[in-house]
mmCIF file of all heavy atoms, coordinates in Angstrom:
data_MODEL
# 
_entry.id   MODEL 
# 
loop_
_atom_site.group_PDB 
_atom_site.id 
_atom_site.type_symbol 
_atom_site.label_atom_id 
_atom_site.label_alt_id 
_atom_site.label_comp_id 
_atom_site.label_asym_id 
_atom_site.label_entity_id 
_atom_site.label_seq_id 
_atom_site.pdbx_PDB_ins_code 
_atom_site.Cartn_x 
_atom_site.Cartn_y 
_atom_site.Cartn_z 
_atom_site.occupancy 
_atom_site.B_iso_or_equiv 
_atom_site.pdbx_formal_charge 
_atom_site.auth_seq_id 
_atom_site.auth_comp_id 
_atom_site.auth_asym_id 
_atom_site.auth_atom_id 
_atom_site.pdbx_PDB_model_num 
ATOM 1   N N   . GLU A 1 1  ? 46.972 75.380 93.814 1.00 0.00 ? 1  GLU A N   1 
ATOM 2   C CA  . GLU A 1 1  ? 46.319 75.860 95.037 1.00 0.00 ? 1  GLU A CA  1 
ATOM 3   C C   . GLU A 1 1  ? 46.443 77.379 95.151 1.00 0.00 ? 1  GLU A C   1 
ATOM 4   O O   . GLU A 1 1  ? 45.493 78.073 95.523 1.00 0.00 ? 1  GLU A O   1 
ATOM 5   C CB  . GLU A 1 1  ? 46.926 75.180 96.253 1.00 0.00 ? 1  GLU A CB  1 
ATOM 6   C CG  . GLU A 1 1  ? 46.221 75.529 97.553 1.00 0.00 ? 1  GLU A CG  1 
ATOM 7   C CD  . GLU A 1 1  ? 46.699 74.694 98.723 1.00 0.00 ? 1  GLU A CD  1 
ATOM 8   O OE1 . GLU A 1 1  ? 47.813 74.130 98.625 1.00 0.00 ? 1  GLU A OE1 1 
ATOM 9   O OE2 . GLU A 1 1  ? 45.980 74.604 99.732 1.00 0.00 ? 1  GLU A OE2 1 
ATOM 10  N N   . LYS A 1 2  ? 47.617 77.894 94.805 1.00 0.00 ? 2  LYS A N   1 
ATOM 11  C CA  . LYS A 1 2  ? 47.845 79.347 94.835 1.00 0.00 ? 2  LYS A CA  1 
ATOM 12  C C   . LYS A 1 2  ? 46.918 80.038 93.848 1.00 0.00 ? 2  LYS A C   1 
ATOM 13  O O   . LYS A 1 2  ? 46.308 81.070 94.160 1.00 0.00 ? 2  LYS A O   1 
ATOM 14  C CB  . LYS A 1 2  ? 49.307 79.641 94.491 1.00 0.00 ? 2  LYS A CB  1 
ATOM 15  C CG  . LYS A 1 2  ? 49.701 81.118 94.500 1.00 0.00 ? 2  LYS A CG  1 
ATOM 16  C CD  . LYS A 1 2  ? 51.196 81.270 94.260 1.00 0.00 ? 2  LYS A CD  1 
ATOM 17  C CE  . LYS A 1 2  ? 51.636 82.726 94.304 1.00 0.00 ? 2  LYS A CE  1 
ATOM 18  N NZ  . LYS A 1 2  ? 51.087 83.521 93.194 1.00 0.00 ? 2  LYS A NZ  1 
ATOM 19  N N   . TRP A 1 3  ? 46.769 79.458 92.635 1.00 0.00 ? 3  TRP A N   1 
ATOM 20  C CA  . TRP A 1 3  ? 45.896 80.050 91.613 1.00 0.00 ? 3  TRP A CA  1 
ATOM 21  C C   . TRP A 1 3  ? 44.445 80.092 92.089 1.00 0.00 ? 3  TRP A C   1 
ATOM 22  O O   . TRP A 1 3  ? 43.757 81.102 91.918 1.00 0.00 ? 3  TRP A O   1 
ATOM 23  C CB  . TRP A 1 3  ? 46.012 79.242 90.313 1.00 0.00 ? 3  TRP A CB  1 
ATOM 24  C CG  . TRP A 1 3  ? 45.198 79.782 89.166 1.00 0.00 ? 3  TRP A CG  1 
ATOM 25  C CD1 . TRP A 1 3  ? 45.590 80.693 88.231 1.00 0.00 ? 3  TRP A CD1 1 
ATOM 26  C CD2 . TRP A 1 3  ? 43.845 79.435 88.838 1.00 0.00 ? 3  TRP A CD2 1 
ATOM 27  N NE1 . TRP A 1 3  ? 44.565 80.946 87.334 1.00 0.00 ? 3  TRP A NE1 1 
ATOM 28  C CE2 . TRP A 1 3  ? 43.488 80.176 87.686 1.00 0.00 ? 3  TRP A CE2 1 
ATOM 29  C CE3 . TRP A 1 3  ? 42.914 78.572 89.398 1.00 0.00 ? 3  TRP A CE3 1 
ATOM 30  C CZ2 . TRP A 1 3  ? 42.226 80.081 87.096 1.00 0.00 ? 3  TRP A CZ2 1 
ATOM 31  C CZ3 . TRP A 1 3  ? 41.653 78.476 88.827 1.00 0.00 ? 3  TRP A CZ3 1 
ATOM 32  C CH2 . TRP A 1 3  ? 41.321 79.230 87.684 1.00 0.00 ? 3  TRP A CH2 1 
ATOM 33  N N   . MET A 1 4  ? 43.978 79.004 92.712 1.00 0.00 ? 4  MET A N   1 
ATOM 34  C CA  . MET A 1 4  ? 42.595 78.966 93.200 1.00 0.00 ? 4  MET A CA  1 
ATOM 35  C C   . MET A 1 4  ? 42.379 79.937 94.342 1.00 0.00 ? 4  MET A C   1 
ATOM 36  O O   . MET A 1 4  ? 41.353 80.627 94.414 1.00 0.00 ? 4  MET A O   1 
ATOM 37  C CB  . MET A 1 4  ? 42.221 77.539 93.619 1.00 0.00 ? 4  MET A CB  1 
ATOM 38  C CG  . MET A 1 4  ? 42.126 76.558 92.464 1.00 0.00 ? 4  MET A CG  1 
ATOM 39  S SD  . MET A 1 4  ? 41.366 74.954 92.911 1.00 0.00 ? 4  MET A SD  1 
ATOM 40  C CE  . MET A 1 4  ? 42.588 74.324 94.068 1.00 0.00 ? 4  MET A CE  1 
ATOM 41  N N   . ASN A 1 5  ? 43.361 80.020 95.254 1.00 0.00 ? 5  ASN A N   1 
ATOM 42  C CA  . ASN A 1 5  ? 43.240 80.957 96.380 1.00 0.00 ? 5  ASN A CA  1 
ATOM 43  C C   . ASN A 1 5  ? 43.200 82.406 95.904 1.00 0.00 ? 5  ASN A C   1 
ATOM 44  O O   . ASN A 1 5  ? 42.536 83.257 96.514 1.00 0.00 ? 5  ASN A O   1 
ATOM 45  C CB  . ASN A 1 5  ? 44.411 80.767 97.350 1.00 0.00 ? 5  ASN A CB  1 
ATOM 46  C CG  . ASN A 1 5  ? 44.338 79.445 98.096 1.00 0.00 ? 5  ASN A CG  1 
ATOM 47  O OD1 . ASN A 1 5  ? 43.272 78.831 98.203 1.00 0.00 ? 5  ASN A OD1 1 
ATOM 48  N ND2 . ASN A 1 5  ? 45.472 78.990 98.602 1.00 0.00 ? 5  ASN A ND2 1 
ATOM 49  N N   . GLU A 1 6  ? 43.926 82.690 94.830 1.00 0.00 ? 6  GLU A N   1 
ATOM 50  C CA  . GLU A 1 6  ? 43.963 84.058 94.297 1.00 0.00 ? 6  GLU A CA  1 
ATOM 51  C C   . GLU A 1 6  ? 42.775 84.385 93.401 1.00 0.00 ? 6  GLU A C   1 
ATOM 52  O O   . GLU A 1 6  ? 42.630 85.538 92.970 1.00 0.00 ? 6  GLU A O   1 
ATOM 53  C CB  . GLU A 1 6  ? 45.270 84.261 93.525 1.00 0.00 ? 6  GLU A CB  1 
ATOM 54  C CG  . GLU A 1 6  ? 46.515 84.244 94.420 1.00 0.00 ? 6  GLU A CG  1 
ATOM 55  C CD  . GLU A 1 6  ? 47.806 84.316 93.631 1.00 0.00 ? 6  GLU A CD  1 
ATOM 56  O OE1 . GLU A 1 6  ? 47.737 84.182 92.379 1.00 0.00 ? 6  GLU A OE1 1 
ATOM 57  O OE2 . GLU A 1 6  ? 48.875 84.485 94.257 1.00 0.00 ? 6  GLU A OE2 1 
ATOM 58  N N   . SER A 1 7  ? 41.938 83.387 93.136 1.00 0.00 ? 7  SER A N   1 
ATOM 59  C CA  . SER A 1 7  ? 40.735 83.625 92.301 1.00 0.00 ? 7  SER A CA  1 
ATOM 60  C C   . SER A 1 7  ? 39.624 84.178 93.192 1.00 0.00 ? 7  SER A C   1 
ATOM 61  O O   . SER A 1 7  ? 38.598 83.527 93.448 1.00 0.00 ? 7  SER A O   1 
ATOM 62  C CB  . SER A 1 7  ? 40.298 82.318 91.634 1.00 0.00 ? 7  SER A CB  1 
ATOM 63  O OG  . SER A 1 7  ? 41.316 81.797 90.805 1.00 0.00 ? 7  SER A OG  1 
ATOM 64  N N   . THR A 1 8  ? 39.819 85.395 93.659 1.00 0.00 ? 8  THR A N   1 
ATOM 65  C CA  . THR A 1 8  ? 38.904 85.986 94.651 1.00 0.00 ? 8  THR A CA  1 
ATOM 66  C C   . THR A 1 8  ? 37.527 86.293 94.083 1.00 0.00 ? 8  THR A C   1 
ATOM 67  O O   . THR A 1 8  ? 36.562 86.445 94.828 1.00 0.00 ? 8  THR A O   1 
ATOM 68  C CB  . THR A 1 8  ? 39.522 87.270 95.224 1.00 0.00 ? 8  THR A CB  1 
ATOM 69  O OG1 . THR A 1 8  ? 39.910 88.133 94.141 1.00 0.00 ? 8  THR A OG1 1 
ATOM 70  C CG2 . THR A 1 8  ? 40.747 86.945 96.064 1.00 0.00 ? 8  THR A CG2 1 
ATOM 71  N N   . ASN A 1 9  ? 37.415 86.393 92.757 1.00 0.00 ? 9  ASN A N   1 
ATOM 72  C CA  . ASN A 1 9  ? 36.105 86.579 92.121 1.00 0.00 ? 9  ASN A CA  1 
ATOM 73  C C   . ASN A 1 9  ? 35.473 85.247 91.727 1.00 0.00 ? 9  ASN A C   1 
ATOM 74  O O   . ASN A 1 9  ? 34.448 85.219 91.044 1.00 0.00 ? 9  ASN A O   1 
ATOM 75  C CB  . ASN A 1 9  ? 36.239 87.468 90.884 1.00 0.00 ? 9  ASN A CB  1 
ATOM 76  C CG  . ASN A 1 9  ? 36.582 88.904 91.247 1.00 0.00 ? 9  ASN A CG  1 
ATOM 77  O OD1 . ASN A 1 9  ? 35.796 89.600 91.877 1.00 0.00 ? 9  ASN A OD1 1 
ATOM 78  N ND2 . ASN A 1 9  ? 37.780 89.329 90.876 1.00 0.00 ? 9  ASN A ND2 1 
ATOM 79  N N   . GLY A 1 10 ? 36.121 84.165 92.148 1.00 0.00 ? 10 GLY A N   1 
ATOM 80  C CA  . GLY A 1 10 ? 35.607 82.837 91.855 1.00 0.00 ? 10 GLY A CA  1 
ATOM 81  C C   . GLY A 1 10 ? 36.191 82.272 90.567 1.00 0.00 ? 10 GLY A C   1 
ATOM 82  O O   . GLY A 1 10 ? 36.783 82.983 89.757 1.00 0.00 ? 10 GLY A O   1 
ATOM 83  N N   . PHE A 1 11 ? 36.019 80.951 90.406 1.00 0.00 ? 11 PHE A N   1 
ATOM 84  C CA  . PHE A 1 11 ? 36.467 80.321 89.166 1.00 0.00 ? 11 PHE A CA  1 
ATOM 85  C C   . PHE A 1 11 ? 35.494 79.213 88.757 1.00 0.00 ? 11 PHE A C   1 
ATOM 86  O O   . PHE A 1 11 ? 34.758 78.656 89.576 1.00 0.00 ? 11 PHE A O   1 
ATOM 87  C CB  . PHE A 1 11 ? 37.887 79.758 89.303 1.00 0.00 ? 11 PHE A CB  1 
ATOM 88  C CG  . PHE A 1 11 ? 38.026 78.574 90.230 1.00 0.00 ? 11 PHE A CG  1 
ATOM 89  C CD1 . PHE A 1 11 ? 37.911 77.259 89.761 1.00 0.00 ? 11 PHE A CD1 1 
ATOM 90  C CD2 . PHE A 1 11 ? 38.288 78.763 91.585 1.00 0.00 ? 11 PHE A CD2 1 
ATOM 91  C CE1 . PHE A 1 11 ? 38.050 76.183 90.622 1.00 0.00 ? 11 PHE A CE1 1 
ATOM 92  C CE2 . PHE A 1 11 ? 38.429 77.692 92.446 1.00 0.00 ? 11 PHE A CE2 1 
ATOM 93  C CZ  . PHE A 1 11 ? 38.314 76.393 91.958 1.00 0.00 ? 11 PHE A CZ  1 
ATOM 94  N N   . VAL A 1 12 ? 35.498 78.920 87.455 1.00 0.00 ? 12 VAL A N   1 
ATOM 95  C CA  . VAL A 1 12 ? 34.705 77.841 86.872 1.00 0.00 ? 12 VAL A CA  1 
ATOM 96  C C   . VAL A 1 12 ? 35.665 76.722 86.487 1.00 0.00 ? 12 VAL A C   1 
ATOM 97  O O   . VAL A 1 12 ? 36.730 76.984 85.915 1.00 0.00 ? 12 VAL A O   1 
ATOM 98  C CB  . VAL A 1 12 ? 33.934 78.326 85.632 1.00 0.00 ? 12 VAL A CB  1 
ATOM 99  C CG1 . VAL A 1 12 ? 33.266 77.153 84.909 1.00 0.00 ? 12 VAL A CG1 1 
ATOM 100 C CG2 . VAL A 1 12 ? 32.889 79.366 86.025 1.00 0.00 ? 12 VAL A CG2 1 
ATOM 101 N N   . TYR A 1 13 ? 35.305 75.499 86.807 1.00 0.00 ? 13 TYR A N   1 
ATOM 102 C CA  . TYR A 1 13 ? 36.127 74.329 86.462 1.00 0.00 ? 13 TYR A CA  1 
ATOM 103 C C   . TYR A 1 13 ? 35.489 73.615 85.275 1.00 0.00 ? 13 TYR A C   1 
ATOM 104 O O   . TYR A 1 13 ? 34.294 73.333 85.269 1.00 0.00 ? 13 TYR A O   1 
ATOM 105 C CB  . TYR A 1 13 ? 36.217 73.408 87.680 1.00 0.00 ? 13 TYR A CB  1 
ATOM 106 C CG  . TYR A 1 13 ? 36.874 72.071 87.432 1.00 0.00 ? 13 TYR A CG  1 
ATOM 107 C CD1 . TYR A 1 13 ? 38.045 71.956 86.682 1.00 0.00 ? 13 TYR A CD1 1 
ATOM 108 C CD2 . TYR A 1 13 ? 36.338 70.910 87.979 1.00 0.00 ? 13 TYR A CD2 1 
ATOM 109 C CE1 . TYR A 1 13 ? 38.646 70.729 86.471 1.00 0.00 ? 13 TYR A CE1 1 
ATOM 110 C CE2 . TYR A 1 13 ? 36.927 69.669 87.775 1.00 0.00 ? 13 TYR A CE2 1 
ATOM 111 C CZ  . TYR A 1 13 ? 38.077 69.585 87.022 1.00 0.00 ? 13 TYR A CZ  1 
ATOM 112 O OH  . TYR A 1 13 ? 38.653 68.364 86.802 1.00 0.00 ? 13 TYR A OH  1 
ATOM 113 N N   . PHE A 1 14 ? 36.298 73.312 84.244 1.00 0.00 ? 14 PHE A N   1 
ATOM 114 C CA  . PHE A 1 14 ? 35.794 72.743 82.990 1.00 0.00 ? 14 PHE A CA  1 
ATOM 115 C C   . PHE A 1 14 ? 36.648 71.529 82.603 1.00 0.00 ? 14 PHE A C   1 
ATOM 116 O O   . PHE A 1 14 ? 37.855 71.644 82.428 1.00 0.00 ? 14 PHE A O   1 
ATOM 117 C CB  . PHE A 1 14 ? 35.856 73.825 81.911 1.00 0.00 ? 14 PHE A CB  1 
ATOM 118 C CG  . PHE A 1 14 ? 35.304 73.426 80.551 1.00 0.00 ? 14 PHE A CG  1 
ATOM 119 C CD1 . PHE A 1 14 ? 34.638 72.227 80.344 1.00 0.00 ? 14 PHE A CD1 1 
ATOM 120 C CD2 . PHE A 1 14 ? 35.456 74.278 79.457 1.00 0.00 ? 14 PHE A CD2 1 
ATOM 121 C CE1 . PHE A 1 14 ? 34.135 71.873 79.094 1.00 0.00 ? 14 PHE A CE1 1 
ATOM 122 C CE2 . PHE A 1 14 ? 34.950 73.944 78.198 1.00 0.00 ? 14 PHE A CE2 1 
ATOM 123 C CZ  . PHE A 1 14 ? 34.299 72.730 78.025 1.00 0.00 ? 14 PHE A CZ  1 
ATOM 124 N N   . THR A 1 15 ? 36.016 70.382 82.489 1.00 0.00 ? 15 THR A N   1 
ATOM 125 C CA  . THR A 1 15 ? 36.721 69.197 82.003 1.00 0.00 ? 15 THR A CA  1 
ATOM 126 C C   . THR A 1 15 ? 35.745 68.242 81.329 1.00 0.00 ? 15 THR A C   1 
ATOM 127 O O   . THR A 1 15 ? 34.576 68.169 81.716 1.00 0.00 ? 15 THR A O   1 
ATOM 128 C CB  . THR A 1 15 ? 37.441 68.456 83.156 1.00 0.00 ? 15 THR A CB  1 
ATOM 129 O OG1 . THR A 1 15 ? 38.072 67.284 82.639 1.00 0.00 ? 15 THR A OG1 1 
ATOM 130 C CG2 . THR A 1 15 ? 36.461 68.029 84.240 1.00 0.00 ? 15 THR A CG2 1 
ATOM 131 N N   . PHE A 1 16 ? 36.236 67.519 80.325 1.00 0.00 ? 16 PHE A N   1 
ATOM 132 C CA  . PHE A 1 16 ? 35.465 66.457 79.703 1.00 0.00 ? 16 PHE A CA  1 
ATOM 133 C C   . PHE A 1 16 ? 35.981 65.087 80.163 1.00 0.00 ? 16 PHE A C   1 
ATOM 134 O O   . PHE A 1 16 ? 35.911 64.101 79.442 1.00 0.00 ? 16 PHE A O   1 
ATOM 135 C CB  . PHE A 1 16 ? 35.518 66.566 78.179 1.00 0.00 ? 16 PHE A CB  1 
ATOM 136 C CG  . PHE A 1 16 ? 34.565 67.585 77.612 1.00 0.00 ? 16 PHE A CG  1 
ATOM 137 C CD1 . PHE A 1 16 ? 34.900 68.305 76.467 1.00 0.00 ? 16 PHE A CD1 1 
ATOM 138 C CD2 . PHE A 1 16 ? 33.334 67.826 78.198 1.00 0.00 ? 16 PHE A CD2 1 
ATOM 139 C CE1 . PHE A 1 16 ? 34.017 69.239 75.925 1.00 0.00 ? 16 PHE A CE1 1 
ATOM 140 C CE2 . PHE A 1 16 ? 32.458 68.765 77.681 1.00 0.00 ? 16 PHE A CE2 1 
ATOM 141 C CZ  . PHE A 1 16 ? 32.784 69.468 76.542 1.00 0.00 ? 16 PHE A CZ  1 
ATOM 142 N N   . GLY A 1 17 ? 36.513 65.039 81.387 1.00 0.00 ? 17 GLY A N   1 
ATOM 143 C CA  . GLY A 1 17 ? 36.876 63.773 81.983 1.00 0.00 ? 17 GLY A CA  1 
ATOM 144 C C   . GLY A 1 17 ? 38.306 63.329 81.705 1.00 0.00 ? 17 GLY A C   1 
ATOM 145 O O   . GLY A 1 17 ? 39.110 64.053 81.113 1.00 0.00 ? 17 GLY A O   1 
ATOM 146 N N   . SER A 1 18 ? 38.600 62.102 82.139 1.00 0.00 ? 18 SER A N   1 
ATOM 147 C CA  . SER A 1 18 ? 39.963 61.585 82.068 1.00 0.00 ? 18 SER A CA  1 
ATOM 148 C C   . SER A 1 18 ? 40.373 61.142 80.677 1.00 0.00 ? 18 SER A C   1 
ATOM 149 O O   . SER A 1 18 ? 41.553 60.952 80.404 1.00 0.00 ? 18 SER A O   1 
ATOM 150 C CB  . SER A 1 18 ? 40.106 60.400 83.026 1.00 0.00 ? 18 SER A CB  1 
ATOM 151 O OG  . SER A 1 18 ? 39.250 59.332 82.635 1.00 0.00 ? 18 SER A OG  1 
ATOM 152 N N   . MET A 1 19 ? 39.400 60.984 79.760 1.00 0.00 ? 19 MET A N   1 
ATOM 153 C CA  . MET A 1 19 ? 39.719 60.425 78.450 1.00 0.00 ? 19 MET A CA  1 
ATOM 154 C C   . MET A 1 19 ? 39.680 61.453 77.320 1.00 0.00 ? 19 MET A C   1 
ATOM 155 O O   . MET A 1 19 ? 40.585 61.515 76.492 1.00 0.00 ? 19 MET A O   1 
ATOM 156 C CB  . MET A 1 19 ? 38.754 59.271 78.129 1.00 0.00 ? 19 MET A CB  1 
ATOM 157 C CG  . MET A 1 19 ? 38.864 58.089 79.079 1.00 0.00 ? 19 MET A CG  1 
ATOM 158 S SD  . MET A 1 19 ? 37.932 56.639 78.528 1.00 0.00 ? 19 MET A SD  1 
ATOM 159 C CE  . MET A 1 19 ? 36.240 57.190 78.745 1.00 0.00 ? 19 MET A CE  1 
ATOM 160 N N   . VAL A 1 20 ? 38.630 62.265 77.259 1.00 0.00 ? 20 VAL A N   1 
ATOM 161 C CA  . VAL A 1 20 ? 38.369 63.119 76.089 1.00 0.00 ? 20 VAL A CA  1 
ATOM 162 C C   . VAL A 1 20 ? 39.280 64.343 76.061 1.00 0.00 ? 20 VAL A C   1 
ATOM 163 O O   . VAL A 1 20 ? 39.478 65.020 77.073 1.00 0.00 ? 20 VAL A O   1 
ATOM 164 C CB  . VAL A 1 20 ? 36.896 63.564 76.073 1.00 0.00 ? 20 VAL A CB  1 
ATOM 165 C CG1 . VAL A 1 20 ? 36.636 64.505 74.896 1.00 0.00 ? 20 VAL A CG1 1 
ATOM 166 C CG2 . VAL A 1 20 ? 35.970 62.349 75.980 1.00 0.00 ? 20 VAL A CG2 1 
ATOM 167 N N   . LYS A 1 21 ? 39.848 64.623 74.886 1.00 0.00 ? 21 LYS A N   1 
ATOM 168 C CA  . LYS A 1 21 ? 40.715 65.782 74.687 1.00 0.00 ? 21 LYS A CA  1 
ATOM 169 C C   . LYS A 1 21 ? 39.910 66.932 74.076 1.00 0.00 ? 21 LYS A C   1 
ATOM 170 O O   . LYS A 1 21 ? 39.461 66.855 72.932 1.00 0.00 ? 21 LYS A O   1 
ATOM 171 C CB  . LYS A 1 21 ? 41.868 65.413 73.755 1.00 0.00 ? 21 LYS A CB  1 
ATOM 172 C CG  . LYS A 1 21 ? 42.804 64.332 74.301 1.00 0.00 ? 21 LYS A CG  1 
ATOM 173 C CD  . LYS A 1 21 ? 43.841 63.921 73.278 1.00 0.00 ? 21 LYS A CD  1 
ATOM 174 C CE  . LYS A 1 21 ? 44.798 65.045 72.960 1.00 0.00 ? 21 LYS A CE  1 
ATOM 175 N NZ  . LYS A 1 21 ? 45.873 64.620 72.026 1.00 0.00 ? 21 LYS A NZ  1 
ATOM 176 N N   . ILE A 1 22 ? 39.746 67.999 74.837 1.00 0.00 ? 22 ILE A N   1 
ATOM 177 C CA  . ILE A 1 22 ? 39.015 69.167 74.345 1.00 0.00 ? 22 ILE A CA  1 
ATOM 178 C C   . ILE A 1 22 ? 39.706 69.757 73.117 1.00 0.00 ? 22 ILE A C   1 
ATOM 179 O O   . ILE A 1 22 ? 39.053 70.241 72.189 1.00 0.00 ? 22 ILE A O   1 
ATOM 180 C CB  . ILE A 1 22 ? 38.899 70.236 75.449 1.00 0.00 ? 22 ILE A CB  1 
ATOM 181 C CG1 . ILE A 1 22 ? 38.034 69.722 76.601 1.00 0.00 ? 22 ILE A CG1 1 
ATOM 182 C CG2 . ILE A 1 22 ? 38.321 71.545 74.903 1.00 0.00 ? 22 ILE A CG2 1 
ATOM 183 C CD1 . ILE A 1 22 ? 37.904 70.680 77.760 1.00 0.00 ? 22 ILE A CD1 1 
ATOM 184 N N   . GLU A 1 23 ? 41.036 69.670 73.084 1.00 0.00 ? 23 GLU A N   1 
ATOM 185 C CA  . GLU A 1 23 ? 41.783 70.263 71.969 1.00 0.00 ? 23 GLU A CA  1 
ATOM 186 C C   . GLU A 1 23 ? 41.548 69.541 70.641 1.00 0.00 ? 23 GLU A C   1 
ATOM 187 O O   . GLU A 1 23 ? 41.941 70.040 69.583 1.00 0.00 ? 23 GLU A O   1 
ATOM 188 C CB  . GLU A 1 23 ? 43.277 70.311 72.295 1.00 0.00 ? 23 GLU A CB  1 
ATOM 189 C CG  . GLU A 1 23 ? 43.913 68.973 72.624 1.00 0.00 ? 23 GLU A CG  1 
ATOM 190 C CD  . GLU A 1 23 ? 43.910 68.643 74.095 1.00 0.00 ? 23 GLU A CD  1 
ATOM 191 O OE1 . GLU A 1 23 ? 42.895 68.932 74.774 1.00 0.00 ? 23 GLU A OE1 1 
ATOM 192 O OE2 . GLU A 1 23 ? 44.903 68.088 74.578 1.00 0.00 ? 23 GLU A OE2 1 
ATOM 193 N N   . SER A 1 24 ? 40.911 68.381 70.678 1.00 0.00 ? 24 SER A N   1 
ATOM 194 C CA  . SER A 1 24 ? 40.614 67.652 69.438 1.00 0.00 ? 24 SER A CA  1 
ATOM 195 C C   . SER A 1 24 ? 39.261 68.040 68.841 1.00 0.00 ? 24 SER A C   1 
ATOM 196 O O   . SER A 1 24 ? 38.904 67.584 67.750 1.00 0.00 ? 24 SER A O   1 
ATOM 197 C CB  . SER A 1 24 ? 40.637 66.137 69.699 1.00 0.00 ? 24 SER A CB  1 
ATOM 198 O OG  . SER A 1 24 ? 39.518 65.733 70.467 1.00 0.00 ? 24 SER A OG  1 
ATOM 199 N N   . PHE A 1 25 ? 38.510 68.895 69.545 1.00 0.00 ? 25 PHE A N   1 
ATOM 200 C CA  . PHE A 1 25 ? 37.190 69.296 69.054 1.00 0.00 ? 25 PHE A CA  1 
ATOM 201 C C   . PHE A 1 25 ? 37.335 70.229 67.847 1.00 0.00 ? 25 PHE A C   1 
ATOM 202 O O   . PHE A 1 25 ? 38.304 70.983 67.749 1.00 0.00 ? 25 PHE A O   1 
ATOM 203 C CB  . PHE A 1 25 ? 36.404 70.004 70.159 1.00 0.00 ? 25 PHE A CB  1 
ATOM 204 C CG  . PHE A 1 25 ? 35.714 69.056 71.115 1.00 0.00 ? 25 PHE A CG  1 
ATOM 205 C CD1 . PHE A 1 25 ? 36.418 68.023 71.726 1.00 0.00 ? 25 PHE A CD1 1 
ATOM 206 C CD2 . PHE A 1 25 ? 34.374 69.189 71.400 1.00 0.00 ? 25 PHE A CD2 1 
ATOM 207 C CE1 . PHE A 1 25 ? 35.793 67.145 72.596 1.00 0.00 ? 25 PHE A CE1 1 
ATOM 208 C CE2 . PHE A 1 25 ? 33.737 68.320 72.259 1.00 0.00 ? 25 PHE A CE2 1 
ATOM 209 C CZ  . PHE A 1 25 ? 34.452 67.286 72.868 1.00 0.00 ? 25 PHE A CZ  1 
ATOM 210 N N   . PRO A 1 26 ? 36.368 70.173 66.912 1.00 0.00 ? 26 PRO A N   1 
ATOM 211 C CA  . PRO A 1 26 ? 36.401 71.076 65.754 1.00 0.00 ? 26 PRO A CA  1 
ATOM 212 C C   . PRO A 1 26 ? 36.459 72.545 66.167 1.00 0.00 ? 26 PRO A C   1 
ATOM 213 O O   . PRO A 1 26 ? 36.038 72.909 67.273 1.00 0.00 ? 26 PRO A O   1 
ATOM 214 C CB  . PRO A 1 26 ? 35.089 70.750 65.029 1.00 0.00 ? 26 PRO A CB  1 
ATOM 215 C CG  . PRO A 1 26 ? 34.767 69.349 65.431 1.00 0.00 ? 26 PRO A CG  1 
ATOM 216 C CD  . PRO A 1 26 ? 35.247 69.222 66.851 1.00 0.00 ? 26 PRO A CD  1 
ATOM 217 N N   . LEU A 1 27 ? 36.953 73.355 65.259 1.00 0.00 ? 27 LEU A N   1 
ATOM 218 C CA  . LEU A 1 27 ? 37.159 74.781 65.521 1.00 0.00 ? 27 LEU A CA  1 
ATOM 219 C C   . LEU A 1 27 ? 35.900 75.472 66.031 1.00 0.00 ? 27 LEU A C   1 
ATOM 220 O O   . LEU A 1 27 ? 35.959 76.274 66.959 1.00 0.00 ? 27 LEU A O   1 
ATOM 221 C CB  . LEU A 1 27 ? 37.654 75.467 64.241 1.00 0.00 ? 27 LEU A CB  1 
ATOM 222 C CG  . LEU A 1 27 ? 37.808 76.987 64.293 1.00 0.00 ? 27 LEU A CG  1 
ATOM 223 C CD1 . LEU A 1 27 ? 38.831 77.391 65.341 1.00 0.00 ? 27 LEU A CD1 1 
ATOM 224 C CD2 . LEU A 1 27 ? 38.185 77.536 62.919 1.00 0.00 ? 27 LEU A CD2 1 
ATOM 225 N N   . LYS A 1 28 ? 34.740 75.151 65.454 1.00 0.00 ? 28 LYS A N   1 
ATOM 226 C CA  . LYS A 1 28 ? 33.508 75.869 65.831 1.00 0.00 ? 28 LYS A CA  1 
ATOM 227 C C   . LYS A 1 28 ? 33.174 75.680 67.308 1.00 0.00 ? 28 LYS A C   1 
ATOM 228 O O   . LYS A 1 28 ? 32.704 76.606 67.979 1.00 0.00 ? 28 LYS A O   1 
ATOM 229 C CB  . LYS A 1 28 ? 32.330 75.430 64.959 1.00 0.00 ? 28 LYS A CB  1 
ATOM 230 C CG  . LYS A 1 28 ? 31.897 73.992 65.119 1.00 0.00 ? 28 LYS A CG  1 
ATOM 231 C CD  . LYS A 1 28 ? 30.646 73.708 64.294 1.00 0.00 ? 28 LYS A CD  1 
ATOM 232 C CE  . LYS A 1 28 ? 30.170 72.268 64.484 1.00 0.00 ? 28 LYS A CE  1 
ATOM 233 N NZ  . LYS A 1 28 ? 28.916 72.002 63.715 1.00 0.00 ? 28 LYS A NZ  1 
# 
């Protein structure tokens, strides 16, 4: 909550859901 409140220039939220691991995607 503190991080979001301090994001005075706004923030983008990124997720591939509850199952998929972004860290498993190929390097490219």
